[in-house]
Amino acid sequence: MRIADMEWRQVEDWTRSDDRVVLPLGSTEQHAGLSLLTDAILAERVAVEAAAPLGVPVYPVLPFGIAPSFQAYPGSITVRVATYVALITDVLDSLKRSGFRRILLVNGHAGNIAAGSLAGEWMMDNPDCRVRFHDWWRAPRTSAAVASYDGDATHANWMENFPWTRLPGTQAHDSKEMVDLARLRTLPPFEVRQLLEDGSYGGANQRSDDDMLAIWNVAVAETRGLIENW
């Protein structure tokens, strides 16, 4: 259940019998011809669909993450690592005060890995709690499903091109050569934009909706399994 559809007394009632909760983590950054909020849209949607049959509360996605490389692309937002870690710490502290003890972080952006490191540190100080950090797109079953279609699955290419991340009237490449990721990681934002141009890391731009929905169903089921089986 979306926390937006609950009031505080319902949360209090929930935590009397169940201490699970889901927090999606996203980013607002360029995704070539896809939505700037692609990472946030996907993280929240997979979390909501996974938790819905279980009735587990799902918070709104945190839409800002760590994305310094894309700062030459208008609309992209980044926060500093220290800021992000402090924010996640405050959120986890608040969830604990509300009575939640099992917290699943459903992450949609590779740059947010600091939250995964923080989870272990936070549990060191809160041993009565459990936090799982779940990169939904590269969890074992989901990444295997992705690889079964195309090994070149990366930022802003077909792998993130779902019906709910597309924008009407935007233009994107059909296919382009994969970028040298090792080189990309050494560049400041302006040079990243020069190298990537439209923003995609390369590969095919789109696959059929049937393929994408098949992958999506695996991702939802795998995420639901983590919520069910602590």
Protein backbone atom coordinates (compact mmCIF):
# COMPACT_ATOMS: atom_id res chain seq x y z
CA MET A 1 0.00 0.00 0.00
CA ARG A 2 1.27 3.47 -0.84
CA ILE A 3 1.93 5.48 2.29
CA ALA A 4 0.11 8.32 0.48
CA ASP A 5 -3.09 6.30 0.90
CA MET A 6 -2.63 5.89 4.66
CA GLU A 7 -3.03 8.15 7.66
CA TRP A 8 -0.94 7.98 10.81
CA ARG A 9 -3.31 5.75 12.78
CA GLN A 10 -3.26 3.17 10.02
CA VAL A 11 0.54 3.13 10.18
CA GLU A 12 0.36 2.69 13.95
CA ASP A 13 -2.07 -0.20 13.53
CA TRP A 14 0.15 -1.81 10.87
CA THR A 15 3.28 -1.74 13.00
CA ARG A 16 1.49 -3.46 15.89
CA SER A 17 1.44 -6.68 13.86
CA ASP A 18 4.00 -6.19 11.06
CA ASP A 19 7.23 -4.18 10.93
CA ARG A 20 7.98 -4.29 7.18
CA VAL A 21 8.21 -1.21 4.97
CA VAL A 22 9.61 -0.34 1.53
CA LEU A 23 11.51 2.81 0.53
CA PRO A 24 12.34 3.31 -3.18
CA LEU A 25 15.48 5.26 -4.11
CA GLY A 26 15.78 7.02 -7.46
CA SER A 27 17.55 9.80 -9.31
CA THR A 28 16.69 12.75 -11.53
CA GLU A 29 19.14 12.71 -14.43
CA GLN A 30 19.39 12.62 -18.19
CA HIS A 31 18.30 9.40 -19.87
CA ALA A 32 18.70 10.42 -23.53
CA GLY A 33 15.16 10.41 -24.99
CA LEU A 34 13.59 8.88 -21.87
CA SER A 35 12.21 10.70 -18.85
CA LEU A 36 14.63 12.53 -16.57
CA LEU A 37 12.90 10.62 -13.77
CA THR A 38 13.43 7.18 -15.29
CA ASP A 39 15.31 5.79 -12.28
CA ALA A 40 12.73 7.16 -9.86
CA ILE A 41 9.75 5.95 -11.92
CA LEU A 42 11.12 2.41 -12.18
CA ALA A 43 12.18 2.10 -8.54
CA GLU A 44 8.83 3.28 -7.21
CA ARG A 45 6.76 1.25 -9.65
CA VAL A 46 8.55 -2.03 -9.00
CA ALA A 47 8.30 -1.40 -5.24
CA VAL A 48 4.58 -0.63 -5.35
CA GLU A 49 3.71 -3.58 -7.59
CA ALA A 50 5.82 -5.95 -5.51
CA ALA A 51 4.35 -4.86 -2.18
CA ALA A 52 0.71 -4.46 -3.24
CA PRO A 53 -0.48 -8.07 -2.72
CA LEU A 54 1.20 -8.13 0.69
CA GLY A 55 -0.27 -4.86 1.94
CA VAL A 56 3.20 -3.65 2.98
CA PRO A 57 3.51 0.17 3.08
CA VAL A 58 5.61 1.81 0.36
CA TYR A 59 6.96 5.33 0.74
CA PRO A 60 7.27 7.76 -2.19
CA VAL A 61 10.53 7.43 -4.07
CA LEU A 62 13.40 9.69 -3.07
CA PRO A 63 13.83 11.37 -6.47
CA PHE A 64 17.34 12.78 -6.01
CA GLY A 65 20.51 10.72 -5.88
CA ILE A 66 24.23 10.87 -6.56
CA ALA A 67 24.72 11.75 -10.24
CA PRO A 68 27.64 14.17 -10.67
CA SER A 69 28.67 12.91 -14.11
CA PHE A 70 25.49 14.21 -15.73
CA GLN A 71 25.63 17.77 -14.47
CA ALA A 72 26.29 19.17 -17.94
CA TYR A 73 22.81 17.96 -18.97
CA PRO A 74 20.08 20.46 -18.01
CA GLY A 75 17.49 19.08 -15.62
CA SER A 76 19.84 16.61 -13.95
CA ILE A 77 20.25 16.92 -10.20
CA THR A 78 22.89 15.53 -7.88
CA VAL A 79 23.48 15.63 -4.14
CA ARG A 80 26.83 15.19 -2.45
CA VAL A 81 27.63 11.81 -0.93
CA ALA A 82 27.71 13.27 2.59
CA THR A 83 24.31 14.91 2.03
CA TYR A 84 22.80 11.72 0.67
CA VAL A 85 24.10 9.55 3.50
CA ALA A 86 22.84 12.05 6.06
CA LEU A 87 19.40 12.10 4.42
CA ILE A 88 19.08 8.31 4.29
CA THR A 89 20.22 8.09 7.92
CA ASP A 90 17.52 10.55 9.00
CA VAL A 91 14.90 8.65 7.01
CA LEU A 92 15.90 5.31 8.52
CA ASP A 93 15.83 6.84 12.00
CA SER A 94 12.32 8.15 11.33
CA LEU A 95 11.11 4.80 10.04
CA LYS A 96 12.39 3.14 13.19
CA ARG A 97 10.61 5.69 15.39
CA SER A 98 7.40 4.85 13.50
CA GLY A 99 7.77 1.21 14.48
CA PHE A 100 9.29 -0.27 11.32
CA ARG A 101 12.10 -2.74 11.87
CA ARG A 102 12.47 -4.47 8.48
CA ILE A 103 13.20 -1.94 5.76
CA LEU A 104 13.70 -2.74 2.08
CA LEU A 105 15.50 -0.07 0.05
CA VAL A 106 14.53 -0.60 -3.60
CA ASN A 107 17.21 1.22 -5.53
CA GLY A 108 16.92 2.38 -9.14
CA HIS A 109 20.22 4.22 -9.65
CA ALA A 110 23.73 2.77 -9.62
CA GLY A 111 25.16 5.97 -8.15
CA ASN A 112 23.20 5.45 -4.94
CA ILE A 113 25.44 2.61 -3.80
CA ALA A 114 26.42 4.69 -0.76
CA ALA A 115 23.00 3.86 0.70
CA GLY A 116 23.91 0.19 0.59
CA SER A 117 27.11 0.81 2.50
CA LEU A 118 25.23 2.95 4.99
CA ALA A 119 22.69 0.17 5.64
CA GLY A 120 25.31 -2.03 7.28
CA GLU A 121 26.65 0.82 9.37
CA TRP A 122 23.16 1.85 10.46
CA MET A 123 22.32 -1.70 11.56
CA MET A 124 25.52 -1.72 13.61
CA ASP A 125 23.99 1.11 15.64
CA ASN A 126 20.45 -0.31 15.43
CA PRO A 127 20.86 -4.07 15.95
CA ASP A 128 17.12 -4.61 16.40
CA CYS A 129 16.52 -3.55 12.78
CA ARG A 130 17.16 -5.14 9.38
CA VAL A 131 17.78 -3.19 6.18
CA ARG A 132 18.06 -4.73 2.72
CA PHE A 133 19.51 -2.77 -0.21
CA HIS A 134 18.06 -4.07 -3.48
CA ASP A 135 19.26 -2.91 -6.91
CA TRP A 136 16.13 -4.14 -8.65
CA TRP A 137 17.57 -4.28 -12.20
CA ARG A 138 20.70 -6.23 -11.34
CA ALA A 139 19.29 -8.70 -8.84
CA PRO A 140 20.14 -12.27 -9.93
CA ARG A 141 16.90 -13.35 -11.62
CA THR A 142 16.22 -9.98 -13.19
CA SER A 143 19.74 -9.53 -14.54
CA ALA A 144 19.58 -13.05 -15.99
CA ALA A 145 16.31 -12.20 -17.72
CA VAL A 146 17.85 -9.00 -19.13
CA ALA A 147 20.95 -10.84 -20.35
CA SER A 148 18.81 -13.45 -22.09
CA TYR A 149 17.61 -10.75 -24.48
CA ASP A 150 20.69 -8.59 -24.98
CA GLY A 151 24.02 -8.39 -23.19
CA ASP A 152 24.34 -4.68 -23.97
CA ALA A 153 21.91 -3.48 -21.32
CA THR A 154 22.97 -0.16 -19.86
CA HIS A 155 22.12 3.46 -19.08
CA ALA A 156 19.37 5.03 -21.21
CA ASN A 157 19.23 2.24 -23.76
CA TRP A 158 16.58 -0.46 -24.32
CA MET A 159 16.92 -1.79 -20.78
CA GLU A 160 15.31 1.33 -19.30
CA ASN A 161 12.89 1.91 -22.17
CA PHE A 162 9.55 0.81 -20.72
CA PRO A 163 6.13 2.15 -21.76
CA TRP A 164 6.10 4.21 -18.55
CA THR A 165 9.51 5.86 -19.06
CA ARG A 166 8.98 6.94 -22.68
CA LEU A 167 8.01 10.47 -23.62
CA PRO A 168 5.82 11.39 -26.60
CA GLY A 169 7.57 13.30 -29.36
CA THR A 170 11.15 12.73 -28.21
CA GLN A 171 13.84 11.44 -30.53
CA ALA A 172 16.44 8.81 -29.73
CA HIS A 173 18.98 6.77 -31.64
CA ASP A 174 18.00 3.38 -33.05
CA SER A 175 21.35 1.92 -32.04
CA LYS A 176 24.84 3.22 -31.44
CA GLU A 177 28.25 1.90 -30.48
CA MET A 178 28.75 1.18 -26.80
CA VAL A 179 30.78 3.79 -24.96
CA ASP A 180 34.12 3.00 -23.34
CA LEU A 181 32.93 2.91 -19.72
CA ALA A 182 36.43 2.89 -18.27
CA ARG A 183 37.19 6.14 -20.08
CA LEU A 184 33.79 7.63 -19.21
CA ARG A 185 34.42 7.20 -15.50
CA THR A 186 37.56 9.37 -15.72
CA LEU A 187 35.82 12.40 -17.25
CA PRO A 188 34.27 15.53 -15.72
CA PRO A 189 30.66 16.38 -16.61
CA PHE A 190 31.27 18.57 -19.69
CA GLU A 191 33.46 15.92 -21.29
CA VAL A 192 30.92 13.23 -20.40
CA ARG A 193 28.34 15.13 -22.44
CA GLN A 194 30.77 15.51 -25.33
CA LEU A 195 31.42 11.78 -25.33
CA LEU A 196 27.84 10.60 -24.91
CA GLU A 197 26.09 13.32 -26.93
CA ASP A 198 22.43 12.27 -26.51
CA GLY A 199 23.21 10.65 -23.14
CA SER A 200 22.83 6.95 -23.89
CA TYR A 201 25.75 4.64 -23.18
CA GLY A 202 25.02 2.86 -26.47
CA GLY A 203 23.44 -0.33 -27.73
CA ALA A 204 19.89 -0.72 -29.00
CA ASN A 205 17.35 1.92 -28.04
CA GLN A 206 14.24 -0.23 -27.77
CA ARG A 207 12.88 -3.76 -27.65
CA SER A 208 9.31 -4.97 -27.99
CA ASP A 209 6.85 -4.26 -25.19
CA ASP A 210 6.35 -8.01 -24.79
CA ASP A 211 10.06 -8.43 -24.03
CA MET A 212 10.07 -5.53 -21.60
CA LEU A 213 6.96 -6.70 -19.76
CA ALA A 214 8.44 -10.19 -19.41
CA ILE A 215 11.54 -8.70 -17.76
CA TRP A 216 9.37 -6.46 -15.62
CA ASN A 217 7.33 -9.35 -14.30
CA VAL A 218 10.52 -11.10 -13.20
CA ALA A 219 11.71 -7.93 -11.45
CA VAL A 220 8.43 -7.50 -9.58
CA ALA A 221 8.35 -11.15 -8.50
CA GLU A 222 11.98 -11.06 -7.36
CA THR A 223 11.39 -7.89 -5.35
CA ARG A 224 8.24 -9.34 -3.81
CA GLY A 225 10.23 -12.38 -2.74
CA LEU A 226 12.55 -10.18 -0.71
CA ILE A 227 9.62 -8.54 1.04
CA GLU A 228 7.99 -11.89 1.80
CA ASN A 229 11.03 -13.87 2.87
CA TRP A 230 13.09 -12.10 5.51
